[in-house]
Amino acid sequence: MNLATTLERSALFFLDRPAISEAGREGEICIRGRNVMIGYLNNPEETRSAFWDDGWLRSGDVGLFDEDGYLYSVQSESNR
């Protein structure tokens, strides 16, 4: 499933690779931006498990970028 290119004022990266420029390699999709939630209401434990210390939200989904920069969802990590 093609999800889109990176949204304006948002950033995407894959957990297991620091750059998104390498097309075709899979990794967990992580998101950061002003449009991303800051946490779960009254649930600090779930918030800690959903975010990296530097503010990146772990989506739990595996994806890849194609040569044109489009993001594709490959599978949900919960289905592994």
N, C-alpha and C. Protein backbone atom coordinates (compact mmCIF):
# COMPACT_ATOMS: atom_id res chain seq x y z
N MET A 1 0.84 -1.16 0.00
CA MET A 1 0.00 0.00 0.00
C MET A 1 0.89 1.24 0.00
N ASN A 2 0.67 2.12 -0.95
CA ASN A 2 1.41 3.37 -1.03
C ASN A 2 0.80 4.35 -0.06
N LEU A 3 1.60 4.86 0.87
CA LEU A 3 1.08 5.77 1.89
C LEU A 3 1.20 7.23 1.48
N ALA A 4 2.26 7.60 0.79
CA ALA A 4 2.48 8.98 0.33
C ALA A 4 3.94 9.31 0.42
N THR A 5 4.26 10.53 0.05
CA THR A 5 5.59 11.03 0.30
C THR A 5 5.55 11.68 1.68
N THR A 6 6.68 12.10 2.18
CA THR A 6 6.74 12.73 3.50
C THR A 6 5.86 13.98 3.53
N LEU A 7 5.05 14.10 4.55
CA LEU A 7 4.17 15.25 4.70
C LEU A 7 4.98 16.50 5.03
N GLU A 8 4.48 17.63 4.59
CA GLU A 8 5.13 18.89 4.94
C GLU A 8 5.18 19.05 6.45
N ARG A 9 6.32 19.47 6.96
CA ARG A 9 6.55 19.69 8.39
C ARG A 9 6.54 18.40 9.20
N SER A 10 6.71 17.28 8.56
CA SER A 10 6.83 16.00 9.24
C SER A 10 8.11 15.33 8.77
N ALA A 11 8.57 14.38 9.54
CA ALA A 11 9.76 13.65 9.16
C ALA A 11 9.51 12.17 9.38
N LEU A 12 10.08 11.37 8.52
CA LEU A 12 9.94 9.92 8.63
C LEU A 12 11.33 9.30 8.57
N PHE A 13 11.51 8.22 9.28
CA PHE A 13 12.74 7.47 9.14
C PHE A 13 12.49 6.04 9.54
N PHE A 14 13.42 5.19 9.19
CA PHE A 14 13.32 3.79 9.55
C PHE A 14 14.26 3.51 10.70
N LEU A 15 13.76 2.77 11.66
CA LEU A 15 14.51 2.47 12.87
C LEU A 15 15.86 1.84 12.59
N ASP A 16 15.93 0.94 11.63
CA ASP A 16 17.17 0.21 11.41
C ASP A 16 18.07 0.80 10.34
N ARG A 17 17.78 2.01 9.90
CA ARG A 17 18.69 2.69 8.98
C ARG A 17 18.52 4.20 9.15
N PRO A 18 19.60 4.92 9.20
CA PRO A 18 19.53 6.34 9.51
C PRO A 18 19.05 7.22 8.36
N ALA A 19 19.13 6.76 7.14
CA ALA A 19 18.75 7.60 6.00
C ALA A 19 17.59 6.96 5.25
N ILE A 20 16.73 7.79 4.71
CA ILE A 20 15.59 7.26 3.96
C ILE A 20 15.88 7.21 2.47
N SER A 21 17.09 7.55 2.06
CA SER A 21 17.38 7.66 0.64
C SER A 21 17.59 6.31 -0.03
N GLU A 22 17.85 5.27 0.72
CA GLU A 22 18.10 3.97 0.12
C GLU A 22 16.76 3.29 -0.17
N ALA A 23 16.43 3.20 -1.44
CA ALA A 23 15.15 2.63 -1.83
C ALA A 23 15.14 1.12 -1.66
N GLY A 24 13.98 0.60 -1.28
CA GLY A 24 13.76 -0.83 -1.26
C GLY A 24 14.12 -1.56 0.02
N ARG A 25 14.70 -0.88 0.99
CA ARG A 25 15.06 -1.54 2.24
C ARG A 25 13.97 -1.32 3.28
N GLU A 26 13.56 -2.39 3.96
CA GLU A 26 12.48 -2.32 4.93
C GLU A 26 12.98 -1.93 6.31
N GLY A 27 12.09 -1.30 7.09
CA GLY A 27 12.38 -0.95 8.47
C GLY A 27 11.13 -0.44 9.14
N GLU A 28 11.17 -0.30 10.48
CA GLU A 28 10.01 0.24 11.20
C GLU A 28 9.86 1.71 10.86
N ILE A 29 8.64 2.11 10.57
CA ILE A 29 8.36 3.50 10.24
C ILE A 29 8.24 4.29 11.54
N CYS A 30 9.04 5.35 11.68
CA CYS A 30 8.99 6.24 12.84
C CYS A 30 8.69 7.64 12.35
N ILE A 31 7.91 8.40 13.11
CA ILE A 31 7.39 9.68 12.66
C ILE A 31 7.63 10.75 13.71
N ARG A 32 7.94 11.97 13.25
CA ARG A 32 8.07 13.11 14.16
C ARG A 32 7.59 14.35 13.44
N GLY A 33 6.85 15.19 14.13
CA GLY A 33 6.37 16.42 13.52
C GLY A 33 5.35 17.09 14.42
N ARG A 34 4.97 18.30 14.04
CA ARG A 34 4.00 19.04 14.85
C ARG A 34 2.61 18.43 14.79
N ASN A 35 2.37 17.57 13.82
CA ASN A 35 1.06 16.95 13.68
C ASN A 35 0.99 15.59 14.37
N VAL A 36 2.04 15.18 15.07
CA VAL A 36 2.07 13.88 15.76
C VAL A 36 1.70 14.09 17.22
N MET A 37 0.92 13.16 17.76
CA MET A 37 0.49 13.27 19.16
C MET A 37 1.68 13.36 20.10
N ILE A 38 1.46 13.90 21.28
CA ILE A 38 2.54 14.01 22.26
C ILE A 38 2.51 12.87 23.28
N GLY A 39 1.46 12.07 23.25
CA GLY A 39 1.38 10.94 24.16
C GLY A 39 -0.04 10.50 24.39
N TYR A 40 -0.17 9.44 25.17
CA TYR A 40 -1.48 8.90 25.54
C TYR A 40 -1.96 9.57 26.82
N LEU A 41 -3.21 10.00 26.83
CA LEU A 41 -3.80 10.68 27.98
C LEU A 41 -3.80 9.76 29.20
N ASN A 42 -3.23 10.23 30.28
CA ASN A 42 -3.20 9.51 31.56
C ASN A 42 -2.58 8.11 31.45
N ASN A 43 -1.65 7.92 30.52
CA ASN A 43 -1.02 6.61 30.36
C ASN A 43 0.46 6.78 30.03
N PRO A 44 1.26 7.18 31.02
CA PRO A 44 2.67 7.44 30.76
C PRO A 44 3.46 6.20 30.35
N GLU A 45 3.08 5.04 30.82
CA GLU A 45 3.80 3.82 30.43
C GLU A 45 3.64 3.53 28.93
N GLU A 46 2.43 3.66 28.45
CA GLU A 46 2.18 3.43 27.01
C GLU A 46 2.87 4.50 26.18
N THR A 47 2.89 5.74 26.67
CA THR A 47 3.58 6.81 25.97
C THR A 47 5.07 6.50 25.86
N ARG A 48 5.69 6.06 26.95
CA ARG A 48 7.12 5.72 26.92
C ARG A 48 7.42 4.61 25.93
N SER A 49 6.54 3.63 25.82
CA SER A 49 6.80 2.52 24.90
C SER A 49 6.54 2.91 23.44
N ALA A 50 5.75 3.95 23.21
CA ALA A 50 5.40 4.36 21.84
C ALA A 50 6.40 5.34 21.24
N PHE A 51 7.22 5.99 22.09
CA PHE A 51 8.12 7.03 21.62
C PHE A 51 9.57 6.71 21.97
N TRP A 52 10.48 7.13 21.10
CA TRP A 52 11.90 7.13 21.44
C TRP A 52 12.17 8.35 22.31
N ASP A 53 13.25 8.36 23.05
CA ASP A 53 13.57 9.48 23.95
C ASP A 53 13.68 10.81 23.22
N ASP A 54 14.04 10.78 21.94
CA ASP A 54 14.20 12.03 21.18
C ASP A 54 12.92 12.47 20.46
N GLY A 55 11.77 11.84 20.80
CA GLY A 55 10.50 12.32 20.29
C GLY A 55 9.95 11.61 19.06
N TRP A 56 10.64 10.62 18.53
CA TRP A 56 10.13 9.89 17.37
C TRP A 56 9.07 8.90 17.81
N LEU A 57 7.90 8.93 17.15
CA LEU A 57 6.82 7.99 17.40
C LEU A 57 7.07 6.71 16.63
N ARG A 58 7.05 5.59 17.33
CA ARG A 58 7.21 4.28 16.68
C ARG A 58 5.84 3.83 16.18
N SER A 59 5.70 3.67 14.89
CA SER A 59 4.39 3.30 14.33
C SER A 59 4.06 1.83 14.54
N GLY A 60 5.08 0.99 14.68
CA GLY A 60 4.83 -0.44 14.75
C GLY A 60 4.61 -1.07 13.40
N ASP A 61 4.74 -0.27 12.34
CA ASP A 61 4.56 -0.77 10.98
C ASP A 61 5.89 -0.84 10.26
N VAL A 62 6.01 -1.80 9.38
CA VAL A 62 7.21 -1.95 8.56
C VAL A 62 6.91 -1.36 7.19
N GLY A 63 7.85 -0.59 6.67
CA GLY A 63 7.64 0.03 5.36
C GLY A 63 8.93 0.15 4.60
N LEU A 64 8.81 0.68 3.39
CA LEU A 64 9.97 0.96 2.57
C LEU A 64 9.66 2.13 1.66
N PHE A 65 10.70 2.83 1.23
CA PHE A 65 10.57 3.91 0.26
C PHE A 65 10.97 3.38 -1.11
N ASP A 66 10.26 3.82 -2.16
CA ASP A 66 10.68 3.45 -3.50
C ASP A 66 11.64 4.50 -4.04
N GLU A 67 12.06 4.33 -5.29
CA GLU A 67 13.04 5.24 -5.90
C GLU A 67 12.54 6.67 -6.03
N ASP A 68 11.22 6.87 -6.02
CA ASP A 68 10.63 8.20 -6.15
C ASP A 68 10.30 8.84 -4.81
N GLY A 69 10.64 8.17 -3.70
CA GLY A 69 10.40 8.72 -2.38
C GLY A 69 9.03 8.41 -1.80
N TYR A 70 8.27 7.52 -2.44
CA TYR A 70 6.97 7.13 -1.91
C TYR A 70 7.14 6.05 -0.87
N LEU A 71 6.39 6.17 0.20
CA LEU A 71 6.44 5.23 1.31
C LEU A 71 5.38 4.15 1.12
N TYR A 72 5.79 2.90 1.27
CA TYR A 72 4.88 1.77 1.17
C TYR A 72 4.85 1.03 2.49
N SER A 73 3.66 0.69 2.95
CA SER A 73 3.49 -0.13 4.14
C SER A 73 3.60 -1.59 3.72
N VAL A 74 4.52 -2.31 4.37
CA VAL A 74 4.76 -3.71 4.02
C VAL A 74 3.97 -4.62 4.95
N GLN A 75 4.05 -4.37 6.26
CA GLN A 75 3.30 -5.16 7.23
C GLN A 75 3.33 -4.48 8.58
N SER A 76 2.42 -4.87 9.42
CA SER A 76 2.40 -4.37 10.79
C SER A 76 3.30 -5.26 11.64
N GLU A 77 4.11 -4.66 12.50
CA GLU A 77 5.00 -5.45 13.34
C GLU A 77 4.21 -6.38 14.25
N SER A 78 2.99 -6.03 14.58
CA SER A 78 2.18 -6.90 15.43
C SER A 78 1.77 -8.18 14.72
N ASN A 79 1.91 -8.20 13.39
CA ASN A 79 1.57 -9.39 12.61
C ASN A 79 2.77 -10.24 12.26
N ARG A 80 3.95 -9.91 12.79
CA ARG A 80 5.15 -10.65 12.46
C ARG A 80 5.15 -12.01 13.09
